[in-house]
Amino acid sequence: MRISISASAMVIVTLFAVPVEAAGIDCAKPASTSDHMICQDKSLLARDKIMGTLYASALKHDDAGKIRERQRRWITKVQSCGDVACIRQAYDDQISFLQATQGGRSVSADFTSKGPGGNQGDLAIFGPVDGLVAVFLTSTYVGPGGGAAGDVNADGMDGVVPLEKEHTQLSRDGCKVDLDRLNAKTWRASQTGICNLADGVTLQGTYRKQ
């Protein structure tokens, strides 16, 4: 029973020209300890689907050699993991990297916020896939000195998080960003806590589809 065409299997396909039909994590016959853990966790299987799509798109739109090399390092990392938390973090890190590529952005929905004080926010959403969304949220602040003077700061947050009733949340240390989908073209971001973002940067605002 083929559960998914995994991103790790896609690397093998690319490198050795194995037919696509032969690729995938076979959860009836897991090939490694990490495969066993992935097959027993629905959230990891969902992450595998998300990463597979982002990886395939990045191969088409970005430097394929660099993308493959990064994916090889990811495979090594996952195979060294001894628990689900380690695998989940490895997936989330790689999904964040892939979503920021040209290919990743091409398959994500993009939204922009024009805020006060020179802030511009960019929100990329991929999914939902089995209840999870990949979120890549950034904001840039241009101060009174202007870009030519280097008066520019940027910061952001990202994650693979559950989407429930049109709501999801990113968190980092004491900072929380709640995201609410108002309609197909609009998200609202609310920032709470101590976020320690770069000077002048805020992630909150109304993000509209471009």
N, C-alpha and C. Protein backbone atom coordinates (compact mmCIF):
# COMPACT_ATOMS: atom_id res chain seq x y z
N MET A 1 0.85 -1.19 0.00
CA MET A 1 0.00 0.00 0.00
C MET A 1 0.88 1.23 0.00
N ARG A 2 0.81 2.04 -1.03
CA ARG A 2 1.58 3.27 -1.12
C ARG A 2 0.84 4.38 -0.40
N ILE A 3 1.48 4.97 0.62
CA ILE A 3 0.85 6.06 1.35
C ILE A 3 1.11 7.39 0.67
N SER A 4 2.36 7.63 0.25
CA SER A 4 2.68 8.90 -0.40
C SER A 4 3.98 8.75 -1.17
N ILE A 5 4.20 9.66 -2.12
CA ILE A 5 5.49 9.75 -2.77
C ILE A 5 6.32 10.68 -1.92
N SER A 6 7.22 10.13 -1.14
CA SER A 6 7.94 10.94 -0.17
C SER A 6 8.99 11.79 -0.85
N ALA A 7 9.35 12.88 -0.16
CA ALA A 7 10.39 13.76 -0.68
C ALA A 7 11.72 13.04 -0.74
N SER A 8 11.99 12.16 0.23
CA SER A 8 13.24 11.42 0.20
C SER A 8 13.28 10.47 -0.98
N ALA A 9 12.15 9.85 -1.27
CA ALA A 9 12.10 8.96 -2.43
C ALA A 9 12.27 9.74 -3.72
N MET A 10 11.76 10.98 -3.77
CA MET A 10 11.89 11.79 -4.97
C MET A 10 13.35 12.09 -5.27
N VAL A 11 14.17 12.25 -4.22
CA VAL A 11 15.59 12.45 -4.44
C VAL A 11 16.19 11.23 -5.11
N ILE A 12 15.81 10.05 -4.63
CA ILE A 12 16.32 8.81 -5.22
C ILE A 12 15.90 8.70 -6.68
N VAL A 13 14.65 9.06 -6.97
CA VAL A 13 14.17 9.05 -8.35
C VAL A 13 15.02 9.94 -9.21
N THR A 14 15.31 11.16 -8.73
CA THR A 14 16.06 12.13 -9.51
C THR A 14 17.49 11.66 -9.76
N LEU A 15 18.10 11.06 -8.74
CA LEU A 15 19.50 10.70 -8.85
C LEU A 15 19.73 9.43 -9.65
N PHE A 16 18.81 8.48 -9.53
CA PHE A 16 19.07 7.17 -10.12
C PHE A 16 18.03 6.76 -11.15
N ALA A 17 17.14 7.68 -11.51
CA ALA A 17 16.15 7.42 -12.56
C ALA A 17 15.27 6.22 -12.26
N VAL A 18 14.94 6.01 -10.98
CA VAL A 18 13.99 4.98 -10.61
C VAL A 18 12.61 5.43 -11.06
N PRO A 19 11.77 4.56 -11.67
CA PRO A 19 10.45 4.98 -12.08
C PRO A 19 9.67 5.56 -10.92
N VAL A 20 8.90 6.62 -11.21
CA VAL A 20 8.13 7.28 -10.16
C VAL A 20 7.19 6.29 -9.49
N GLU A 21 6.64 5.36 -10.25
CA GLU A 21 5.69 4.41 -9.69
C GLU A 21 6.31 3.56 -8.59
N ALA A 22 7.63 3.45 -8.59
CA ALA A 22 8.31 2.61 -7.60
C ALA A 22 8.69 3.39 -6.35
N ALA A 23 8.44 4.71 -6.36
CA ALA A 23 8.87 5.55 -5.24
C ALA A 23 7.81 5.60 -4.17
N GLY A 24 8.24 6.01 -2.97
CA GLY A 24 7.28 6.25 -1.91
C GLY A 24 7.61 5.50 -0.65
N ILE A 25 7.10 5.99 0.47
CA ILE A 25 7.22 5.25 1.72
C ILE A 25 6.14 4.18 1.72
N ASP A 26 6.55 2.94 1.72
CA ASP A 26 5.60 1.83 1.76
C ASP A 26 5.37 1.49 3.23
N CYS A 27 4.25 1.96 3.77
CA CYS A 27 4.01 1.76 5.20
C CYS A 27 3.63 0.33 5.54
N ALA A 28 3.44 -0.52 4.53
CA ALA A 28 3.27 -1.95 4.79
C ALA A 28 4.62 -2.61 5.05
N LYS A 29 5.69 -2.00 4.51
CA LYS A 29 7.03 -2.53 4.67
C LYS A 29 8.01 -1.38 4.89
N PRO A 30 7.96 -0.71 6.03
CA PRO A 30 8.88 0.40 6.29
C PRO A 30 10.33 -0.05 6.18
N ALA A 31 11.15 0.76 5.50
CA ALA A 31 12.52 0.36 5.21
C ALA A 31 13.51 0.77 6.29
N SER A 32 13.12 1.65 7.20
CA SER A 32 14.05 2.14 8.21
C SER A 32 13.30 2.51 9.48
N THR A 33 14.05 2.78 10.53
CA THR A 33 13.43 3.21 11.79
C THR A 33 12.66 4.50 11.60
N SER A 34 13.24 5.44 10.84
CA SER A 34 12.54 6.70 10.61
C SER A 34 11.27 6.49 9.81
N ASP A 35 11.29 5.56 8.84
CA ASP A 35 10.07 5.24 8.08
C ASP A 35 8.98 4.72 9.02
N HIS A 36 9.36 3.86 9.95
CA HIS A 36 8.39 3.33 10.93
C HIS A 36 7.73 4.48 11.69
N MET A 37 8.55 5.42 12.16
CA MET A 37 8.00 6.53 12.94
C MET A 37 7.12 7.44 12.08
N ILE A 38 7.52 7.68 10.84
CA ILE A 38 6.72 8.52 9.94
C ILE A 38 5.38 7.85 9.65
N CYS A 39 5.41 6.56 9.39
CA CYS A 39 4.18 5.84 9.02
C CYS A 39 3.18 5.77 10.18
N GLN A 40 3.67 5.88 11.40
CA GLN A 40 2.80 5.79 12.56
C GLN A 40 2.28 7.15 13.03
N ASP A 41 2.65 8.21 12.32
CA ASP A 41 2.27 9.57 12.74
C ASP A 41 1.63 10.31 11.57
N LYS A 42 0.33 10.59 11.68
CA LYS A 42 -0.40 11.24 10.58
C LYS A 42 0.16 12.62 10.26
N SER A 43 0.62 13.34 11.29
CA SER A 43 1.14 14.68 11.04
C SER A 43 2.46 14.63 10.26
N LEU A 44 3.25 13.57 10.47
CA LEU A 44 4.49 13.42 9.69
C LEU A 44 4.18 13.03 8.26
N LEU A 45 3.18 12.18 8.05
CA LEU A 45 2.77 11.83 6.69
C LEU A 45 2.26 13.06 5.95
N ALA A 46 1.52 13.92 6.65
CA ALA A 46 1.04 15.16 6.02
C ALA A 46 2.22 16.06 5.66
N ARG A 47 3.19 16.15 6.55
CA ARG A 47 4.39 16.94 6.25
C ARG A 47 5.14 16.37 5.06
N ASP A 48 5.18 15.05 4.95
CA ASP A 48 5.86 14.42 3.82
C ASP A 48 5.20 14.82 2.50
N LYS A 49 3.86 14.87 2.49
CA LYS A 49 3.14 15.29 1.29
C LYS A 49 3.44 16.75 0.95
N ILE A 50 3.42 17.60 1.97
CA ILE A 50 3.71 19.02 1.76
C ILE A 50 5.10 19.19 1.18
N MET A 51 6.08 18.54 1.80
CA MET A 51 7.45 18.70 1.35
C MET A 51 7.66 18.14 -0.04
N GLY A 52 7.00 17.03 -0.35
CA GLY A 52 7.14 16.44 -1.68
C GLY A 52 6.72 17.40 -2.77
N THR A 53 5.61 18.11 -2.57
CA THR A 53 5.13 19.07 -3.57
C THR A 53 6.07 20.26 -3.67
N LEU A 54 6.50 20.80 -2.53
CA LEU A 54 7.41 21.94 -2.55
C LEU A 54 8.75 21.57 -3.18
N TYR A 55 9.23 20.37 -2.89
CA TYR A 55 10.51 19.92 -3.44
C TYR A 55 10.42 19.78 -4.95
N ALA A 56 9.36 19.17 -5.44
CA ALA A 56 9.20 18.99 -6.89
C ALA A 56 9.16 20.34 -7.60
N SER A 57 8.47 21.30 -7.01
CA SER A 57 8.37 22.62 -7.63
C SER A 57 9.71 23.36 -7.58
N ALA A 58 10.44 23.21 -6.48
CA ALA A 58 11.75 23.86 -6.36
C ALA A 58 12.73 23.29 -7.39
N LEU A 59 12.66 22.00 -7.66
CA LEU A 59 13.53 21.41 -8.68
C LEU A 59 13.29 22.04 -10.05
N LYS A 60 12.05 22.42 -10.33
CA LYS A 60 11.70 22.99 -11.63
C LYS A 60 12.08 24.46 -11.75
N HIS A 61 12.00 25.20 -10.65
CA HIS A 61 12.12 26.66 -10.72
C HIS A 61 13.42 27.22 -10.14
N ASP A 62 14.18 26.40 -9.41
CA ASP A 62 15.38 26.90 -8.74
C ASP A 62 16.60 26.09 -9.20
N ASP A 63 17.73 26.33 -8.56
CA ASP A 63 18.96 25.60 -8.88
C ASP A 63 18.79 24.15 -8.41
N ALA A 64 18.53 23.25 -9.36
CA ALA A 64 18.20 21.87 -9.01
C ALA A 64 19.33 21.19 -8.25
N GLY A 65 20.58 21.48 -8.61
CA GLY A 65 21.70 20.87 -7.93
C GLY A 65 21.75 21.24 -6.46
N LYS A 66 21.53 22.51 -6.16
CA LYS A 66 21.54 22.96 -4.77
C LYS A 66 20.35 22.39 -3.99
N ILE A 67 19.21 22.31 -4.67
CA ILE A 67 18.03 21.77 -4.01
C ILE A 67 18.25 20.30 -3.66
N ARG A 68 18.82 19.53 -4.60
CA ARG A 68 19.08 18.11 -4.35
C ARG A 68 20.08 17.94 -3.20
N GLU A 69 21.12 18.75 -3.19
CA GLU A 69 22.13 18.63 -2.14
C GLU A 69 21.53 18.93 -0.77
N ARG A 70 20.70 19.96 -0.71
CA ARG A 70 20.02 20.27 0.55
C ARG A 70 19.13 19.12 0.98
N GLN A 71 18.47 18.48 0.00
CA GLN A 71 17.58 17.37 0.32
C GLN A 71 18.36 16.14 0.79
N ARG A 72 19.54 15.93 0.23
CA ARG A 72 20.39 14.83 0.70
C ARG A 72 20.75 15.03 2.17
N ARG A 73 21.09 16.26 2.52
CA ARG A 73 21.43 16.54 3.92
C ARG A 73 20.22 16.34 4.82
N TRP A 74 19.04 16.68 4.31
CA TRP A 74 17.82 16.45 5.08
C TRP A 74 17.61 14.96 5.33
N ILE A 75 17.80 14.14 4.31
CA ILE A 75 17.64 12.69 4.46
C ILE A 75 18.58 12.16 5.53
N THR A 76 19.83 12.60 5.49
CA THR A 76 20.80 12.18 6.50
C THR A 76 20.34 12.56 7.90
N LYS A 77 19.81 13.77 8.02
CA LYS A 77 19.32 14.24 9.32
C LYS A 77 18.17 13.37 9.81
N VAL A 78 17.19 13.11 8.95
CA VAL A 78 16.03 12.32 9.36
C VAL A 78 16.45 10.91 9.76
N GLN A 79 17.36 10.31 9.00
CA GLN A 79 17.80 8.96 9.31
C GLN A 79 18.55 8.87 10.63
N SER A 80 19.08 10.01 11.08
CA SER A 80 19.81 10.01 12.36
C SER A 80 18.89 10.28 13.55
N CYS A 81 17.63 10.63 13.28
CA CYS A 81 16.70 10.97 14.36
C CYS A 81 16.30 9.73 15.16
N GLY A 82 16.19 9.92 16.46
CA GLY A 82 15.79 8.81 17.31
C GLY A 82 14.38 8.93 17.86
N ASP A 83 13.69 10.04 17.52
CA ASP A 83 12.33 10.20 18.01
C ASP A 83 11.52 11.05 17.04
N VAL A 84 10.21 11.07 17.27
CA VAL A 84 9.29 11.78 16.38
C VAL A 84 9.55 13.29 16.41
N ALA A 85 9.87 13.83 17.57
CA ALA A 85 10.10 15.27 17.68
C ALA A 85 11.25 15.72 16.78
N CYS A 86 12.29 14.93 16.72
CA CYS A 86 13.44 15.23 15.86
C CYS A 86 13.04 15.20 14.39
N ILE A 87 12.27 14.18 14.00
CA ILE A 87 11.82 14.08 12.61
C ILE A 87 10.92 15.25 12.26
N ARG A 88 10.00 15.59 13.16
CA ARG A 88 9.08 16.71 12.91
C ARG A 88 9.84 18.01 12.70
N GLN A 89 10.85 18.25 13.54
CA GLN A 89 11.63 19.48 13.40
C GLN A 89 12.40 19.49 12.09
N ALA A 90 12.93 18.33 11.69
CA ALA A 90 13.65 18.24 10.42
C ALA A 90 12.73 18.55 9.25
N TYR A 91 11.51 18.00 9.28
CA TYR A 91 10.53 18.31 8.24
C TYR A 91 10.23 19.81 8.22
N ASP A 92 9.96 20.37 9.40
CA ASP A 92 9.56 21.78 9.45
C ASP A 92 10.66 22.70 8.94
N ASP A 93 11.91 22.38 9.28
CA ASP A 93 13.03 23.19 8.80
C ASP A 93 13.15 23.11 7.28
N GLN A 94 13.00 21.92 6.73
CA GLN A 94 13.15 21.76 5.29
C GLN A 94 11.96 22.36 4.54
N ILE A 95 10.77 22.22 5.09
CA ILE A 95 9.60 22.84 4.47
C ILE A 95 9.76 24.36 4.43
N SER A 96 10.27 24.94 5.52
CA SER A 96 10.51 26.38 5.55
C SER A 96 11.49 26.79 4.46
N PHE A 97 12.57 26.05 4.32
CA PHE A 97 13.55 26.34 3.27
C PHE A 97 12.93 26.25 1.88
N LEU A 98 12.20 25.17 1.63
CA LEU A 98 11.62 24.96 0.30
C LEU A 98 10.52 25.97 -0.01
N GLN A 99 9.75 26.36 0.99
CA GLN A 99 8.66 27.31 0.74
C GLN A 99 9.20 28.69 0.37
N ALA A 100 10.42 29.00 0.81
CA ALA A 100 11.02 30.30 0.50
C ALA A 100 11.65 30.35 -0.89
N THR A 101 11.76 29.21 -1.57
CA THR A 101 12.32 29.19 -2.91
C THR A 101 11.31 29.71 -3.92
N GLN A 102 11.78 29.99 -5.13
CA GLN A 102 10.87 30.42 -6.19
C GLN A 102 9.81 29.36 -6.45
N GLY A 103 10.25 28.11 -6.49
CA GLY A 103 9.31 27.03 -6.71
C GLY A 103 8.29 26.90 -5.60
N GLY A 104 8.76 27.04 -4.36
CA GLY A 104 7.86 26.97 -3.23
C GLY A 104 6.83 28.08 -3.25
N ARG A 105 7.25 29.29 -3.60
CA ARG A 105 6.31 30.40 -3.66
C ARG A 105 5.32 30.22 -4.80
N SER A 106 5.75 29.55 -5.87
CA SER A 106 4.85 29.39 -7.03
C SER A 106 3.67 28.48 -6.73
N VAL A 107 3.80 27.58 -5.75
CA VAL A 107 2.70 26.68 -5.41
C VAL A 107 2.01 27.08 -4.11
N SER A 108 2.44 28.20 -3.53
CA SER A 108 1.80 28.73 -2.33
C SER A 108 0.90 29.90 -2.70
N ALA A 109 -0.07 30.19 -1.85
CA ALA A 109 -0.91 31.37 -2.03
C ALA A 109 -0.24 32.54 -1.32
N ASP A 110 -0.07 33.65 -2.03
CA ASP A 110 0.64 34.81 -1.49
C ASP A 110 -0.32 35.94 -1.14
N PHE A 111 -0.05 36.56 0.01
CA PHE A 111 -0.86 37.67 0.50
C PHE A 111 0.08 38.76 1.00
N THR A 112 -0.33 40.02 0.85
CA THR A 112 0.51 41.16 1.23
C THR A 112 -0.24 42.12 2.12
N SER A 113 0.48 42.70 3.08
CA SER A 113 -0.08 43.71 3.98
C SER A 113 0.74 44.98 3.88
N LYS A 114 0.08 46.10 3.69
CA LYS A 114 0.73 47.41 3.70
C LYS A 114 0.39 48.08 5.03
N GLY A 115 1.36 48.12 5.93
CA GLY A 115 1.08 48.63 7.27
C GLY A 115 1.60 50.04 7.48
N PRO A 116 1.29 50.62 8.63
CA PRO A 116 1.77 51.96 8.95
C PRO A 116 3.26 51.97 9.25
N GLY A 117 3.87 53.13 9.12
CA GLY A 117 5.26 53.27 9.51
C GLY A 117 6.24 52.57 8.60
N GLY A 118 5.86 52.34 7.34
CA GLY A 118 6.80 51.75 6.39
C GLY A 118 6.89 50.25 6.42
N ASN A 119 5.95 49.58 7.07
CA ASN A 119 5.97 48.12 7.11
C ASN A 119 5.26 47.51 5.91
N GLN A 120 5.86 46.49 5.34
CA GLN A 120 5.18 45.66 4.34
C GLN A 120 5.34 44.21 4.73
N GLY A 121 4.22 43.50 4.87
CA GLY A 121 4.25 42.10 5.25
C GLY A 121 3.92 41.20 4.08
N ASP A 122 4.52 40.03 4.06
CA ASP A 122 4.26 39.03 3.03
C ASP A 122 3.94 37.70 3.71
N LEU A 123 2.82 37.11 3.31
CA LEU A 123 2.34 35.86 3.89
C LEU A 123 2.17 34.83 2.78
N ALA A 124 2.84 33.70 2.92
CA ALA A 124 2.70 32.59 1.98
C ALA A 124 2.07 31.41 2.71
N ILE A 125 1.02 30.85 2.12
CA ILE A 125 0.30 29.72 2.71
C ILE A 125 0.29 28.57 1.72
N PHE A 126 0.71 27.39 2.17
CA PHE A 126 0.57 26.18 1.34
C PHE A 126 -0.31 25.20 2.09
N GLY A 127 -1.35 24.73 1.44
CA GLY A 127 -2.26 23.79 2.06
C GLY A 127 -3.65 24.35 2.13
N PRO A 128 -4.49 23.72 2.94
CA PRO A 128 -4.18 22.66 3.90
C PRO A 128 -3.98 21.29 3.26
N VAL A 129 -3.14 20.50 3.89
CA VAL A 129 -2.92 19.10 3.53
C VAL A 129 -3.19 18.28 4.78
N ASP A 130 -4.24 17.51 4.75
CA ASP A 130 -4.64 16.69 5.91
C ASP A 130 -4.67 17.51 7.20
N GLY A 131 -5.21 18.72 7.08
CA GLY A 131 -5.40 19.57 8.24
C GLY A 131 -4.25 20.49 8.60
N LEU A 132 -3.11 20.37 7.90
CA LEU A 132 -1.94 21.20 8.18
C LEU A 132 -1.70 22.21 7.07
N VAL A 133 -1.18 23.38 7.46
CA VAL A 133 -0.75 24.38 6.48
C VAL A 133 0.70 24.74 6.77
N ALA A 134 1.44 25.00 5.70
CA ALA A 134 2.79 25.55 5.83
C ALA A 134 2.68 27.06 5.69
N VAL A 135 3.18 27.78 6.69
CA VAL A 135 3.05 29.24 6.73
C VAL A 135 4.44 29.87 6.73
N PHE A 136 4.63 30.87 5.86
CA PHE A 136 5.89 31.61 5.80
C PHE A 136 5.52 33.08 5.84
N LEU A 137 5.79 33.73 6.98
CA LEU A 137 5.35 35.10 7.22
C LEU A 137 6.56 35.99 7.46
N THR A 138 6.69 37.05 6.66
CA THR A 138 7.81 37.98 6.81
C THR A 138 7.29 39.42 6.75
N SER A 139 8.07 40.33 7.32
CA SER A 139 7.73 41.75 7.25
C SER A 139 9.00 42.57 7.14
N THR A 140 8.94 43.63 6.35
CA THR A 140 10.08 44.52 6.15
C THR A 140 9.69 45.94 6.57
N TYR A 141 10.55 46.57 7.34
CA TYR A 141 10.32 47.95 7.79
C TYR A 141 11.38 48.86 7.18
N VAL A 142 10.92 49.89 6.48
CA VAL A 142 11.83 50.90 5.94
C VAL A 142 11.68 52.15 6.80
N GLY A 143 12.75 52.50 7.50
CA GLY A 143 12.71 53.63 8.42
C GLY A 143 12.79 54.97 7.72
N PRO A 144 12.78 56.05 8.48
CA PRO A 144 12.80 57.39 7.89
C PRO A 144 14.05 57.69 7.08
N GLY A 145 15.15 56.98 7.36
CA GLY A 145 16.36 57.20 6.59
C GLY A 145 16.30 56.65 5.18
N GLY A 146 15.36 55.72 4.95
CA GLY A 146 15.19 55.16 3.62
C GLY A 146 16.12 53.99 3.34
N GLY A 147 15.77 53.25 2.30
CA GLY A 147 16.54 52.07 1.94
C GLY A 147 17.95 52.39 1.51
N ALA A 148 18.14 53.52 0.82
CA ALA A 148 19.47 53.88 0.33
C ALA A 148 20.46 54.08 1.48
N ALA A 149 19.93 54.50 2.63
CA ALA A 149 20.79 54.71 3.80
C ALA A 149 20.92 53.46 4.66
N GLY A 150 20.29 52.38 4.22
CA GLY A 150 20.35 51.13 4.98
C GLY A 150 19.42 51.08 6.16
N ASP A 151 18.45 52.00 6.19
CA ASP A 151 17.51 52.03 7.31
C ASP A 151 16.37 51.05 7.04
N VAL A 152 16.71 49.77 6.99
CA VAL A 152 15.76 48.71 6.65
C VAL A 152 15.96 47.54 7.61
N ASN A 153 14.87 47.05 8.16
CA ASN A 153 14.92 45.86 9.01
C ASN A 153 13.88 44.86 8.54
N ALA A 154 14.16 43.60 8.71
CA ALA A 154 13.23 42.54 8.31
C ALA A 154 13.24 41.43 9.34
N ASP A 155 12.10 40.75 9.47
CA ASP A 155 11.99 39.64 10.41
C ASP A 155 10.81 38.79 9.98
N GLY A 156 10.62 37.67 10.63
CA GLY A 156 9.49 36.82 10.26
C GLY A 156 9.38 35.58 11.12
N MET A 157 8.36 34.80 10.83
CA MET A 157 8.12 33.53 11.50
C MET A 157 7.58 32.56 10.47
N ASP A 158 7.76 31.28 10.75
CA ASP A 158 7.23 30.26 9.85
C ASP A 158 6.91 29.01 10.65
N GLY A 159 6.19 28.10 10.03
CA GLY A 159 5.87 26.85 10.70
C GLY A 159 4.89 26.01 9.92
N VAL A 160 4.78 24.76 10.32
CA VAL A 160 3.75 23.85 9.80
C VAL A 160 2.78 23.64 10.94
N VAL A 161 1.57 24.13 10.77
CA VAL A 161 0.63 24.23 11.90
C VAL A 161 -0.76 23.78 11.48
N PRO A 162 -1.57 23.33 12.44
CA PRO A 162 -2.94 22.91 12.11
C PRO A 162 -3.83 24.10 11.80
N LEU A 163 -4.70 23.94 10.81
CA LEU A 163 -5.71 24.94 10.48
C LEU A 163 -7.05 24.40 10.94
N GLU A 164 -7.66 25.09 11.90
CA GLU A 164 -8.93 24.66 12.47
C GLU A 164 -9.90 25.83 12.48
N LYS A 165 -11.05 25.64 11.84
CA LYS A 165 -12.09 26.67 11.78
C LYS A 165 -11.51 28.00 11.30
N GLU A 166 -10.72 27.91 10.21
CA GLU A 166 -10.14 29.09 9.55
C GLU A 166 -9.14 29.83 10.44
N HIS A 167 -8.59 29.14 11.44
CA HIS A 167 -7.65 29.77 12.36
C HIS A 167 -6.40 28.91 12.54
N THR A 168 -5.25 29.58 12.64
CA THR A 168 -4.02 28.89 13.00
C THR A 168 -3.13 29.85 13.77
N GLN A 169 -2.05 29.33 14.32
CA GLN A 169 -1.18 30.18 15.14
C GLN A 169 0.28 29.79 14.97
N LEU A 170 1.12 30.80 14.80
CA LEU A 170 2.57 30.64 14.85
C LEU A 170 3.05 31.10 16.21
N SER A 171 4.08 30.44 16.73
CA SER A 171 4.63 30.87 18.02
C SER A 171 6.14 30.69 18.02
N ARG A 172 6.80 31.58 18.75
CA ARG A 172 8.25 31.50 18.92
C ARG A 172 8.59 32.14 20.25
N ASP A 173 9.12 31.35 21.14
CA ASP A 173 9.42 31.83 22.50
C ASP A 173 8.15 32.45 23.09
N GLY A 174 8.19 33.72 23.46
CA GLY A 174 7.01 34.35 24.07
C GLY A 174 6.13 35.08 23.09
N CYS A 175 6.38 34.91 21.80
CA CYS A 175 5.63 35.63 20.76
C CYS A 175 4.61 34.71 20.11
N LYS A 176 3.39 35.21 19.91
CA LYS A 176 2.35 34.46 19.22
C LYS A 176 1.75 35.32 18.12
N VAL A 177 1.55 34.71 16.96
CA VAL A 177 0.86 35.37 15.86
C VAL A 177 -0.32 34.51 15.47
N ASP A 178 -1.53 35.02 15.73
CA ASP A 178 -2.75 34.33 15.35
C ASP A 178 -3.16 34.75 13.95
N LEU A 179 -3.47 33.76 13.12
CA LEU A 179 -3.87 34.01 11.74
C LEU A 179 -5.28 33.51 11.53
N ASP A 180 -6.15 34.41 11.06
CA ASP A 180 -7.54 34.07 10.80
C ASP A 180 -7.85 34.33 9.33
N ARG A 181 -8.37 33.29 8.66
CA ARG A 181 -8.76 33.45 7.25
C ARG A 181 -10.15 34.05 7.20
N LEU A 182 -10.23 35.30 6.74
CA LEU A 182 -11.51 35.99 6.67
C LEU A 182 -12.32 35.57 5.45
N ASN A 183 -11.62 35.32 4.35
CA ASN A 183 -12.23 34.82 3.12
C ASN A 183 -11.10 34.30 2.24
N ALA A 184 -11.42 33.90 1.02
CA ALA A 184 -10.42 33.28 0.15
C ALA A 184 -9.27 34.23 -0.19
N LYS A 185 -9.49 35.54 -0.04
CA LYS A 185 -8.49 36.51 -0.45
C LYS A 185 -7.87 37.29 0.71
N THR A 186 -8.28 37.00 1.94
CA THR A 186 -7.85 37.84 3.05
C THR A 186 -7.56 37.04 4.32
N TRP A 187 -6.42 37.35 4.95
CA TRP A 187 -6.07 36.82 6.27
C TRP A 187 -5.80 38.00 7.21
N ARG A 188 -6.14 37.82 8.48
CA ARG A 188 -5.81 38.81 9.50
C ARG A 188 -4.81 38.22 10.48
N ALA A 189 -3.72 38.93 10.71
CA ALA A 189 -2.68 38.49 11.65
C ALA A 189 -2.71 39.37 12.89
N SER A 190 -2.77 38.74 14.07
CA SER A 190 -2.77 39.45 15.35
C SER A 190 -1.55 39.00 16.15
N GLN A 191 -0.74 39.93 16.57
CA GLN A 191 0.52 39.65 17.25
C GLN A 191 0.41 39.95 18.73
N THR A 192 0.76 38.98 19.58
CA THR A 192 0.71 39.18 21.03
C THR A 192 1.97 38.63 21.68
N GLY A 193 2.23 39.08 22.89
CA GLY A 193 3.39 38.60 23.62
C GLY A 193 4.62 39.45 23.35
N ILE A 194 5.74 38.97 23.83
CA ILE A 194 7.03 39.65 23.62
C ILE A 194 7.70 39.00 22.42
N CYS A 195 7.73 39.71 21.30
CA CYS A 195 8.17 39.08 20.05
C CYS A 195 9.63 39.35 19.71
N ASN A 196 10.22 40.41 20.27
CA ASN A 196 11.63 40.71 20.02
C ASN A 196 11.97 40.67 18.53
N LEU A 197 11.10 41.26 17.72
CA LEU A 197 11.37 41.37 16.29
C LEU A 197 12.37 42.49 16.03
N ALA A 198 12.91 42.52 14.83
CA ALA A 198 13.82 43.59 14.46
C ALA A 198 13.13 44.95 14.62
N ASP A 199 13.92 45.98 14.89
CA ASP A 199 13.37 47.31 15.17
C ASP A 199 12.39 47.76 14.10
N GLY A 200 11.21 48.18 14.55
CA GLY A 200 10.20 48.72 13.65
C GLY A 200 9.32 47.70 12.99
N VAL A 201 9.68 46.43 13.09
CA VAL A 201 8.96 45.38 12.36
C VAL A 201 7.76 44.89 13.17
N THR A 202 6.63 44.75 12.50
CA THR A 202 5.47 44.09 13.08
C THR A 202 4.91 43.10 12.06
N LEU A 203 4.38 42.00 12.56
CA LEU A 203 3.80 40.98 11.68
C LEU A 203 2.29 41.09 11.60
N GLN A 204 1.69 41.88 12.47
CA GLN A 204 0.23 41.96 12.46
C GLN A 204 -0.26 42.85 11.33
N GLY A 205 -1.50 42.60 10.93
CA GLY A 205 -2.08 43.39 9.85
C GLY A 205 -3.06 42.55 9.06
N THR A 206 -3.63 43.15 8.04
CA THR A 206 -4.54 42.47 7.14
C THR A 206 -3.80 42.15 5.85
N TYR A 207 -3.75 40.88 5.51
CA TYR A 207 -3.00 40.40 4.35
C TYR A 207 -3.99 40.04 3.24
N ARG A 208 -3.78 40.63 2.07
CA ARG A 208 -4.70 40.43 0.94
C ARG A 208 -3.99 39.73 -0.21
N LYS A 209 -4.73 38.89 -0.89
CA LYS A 209 -4.18 38.10 -2.00
C LYS A 209 -3.77 39.00 -3.14
N GLN A 210 -2.60 38.71 -3.70
CA GLN A 210 -2.07 39.51 -4.81
C GLN A 210 -2.34 38.83 -6.14
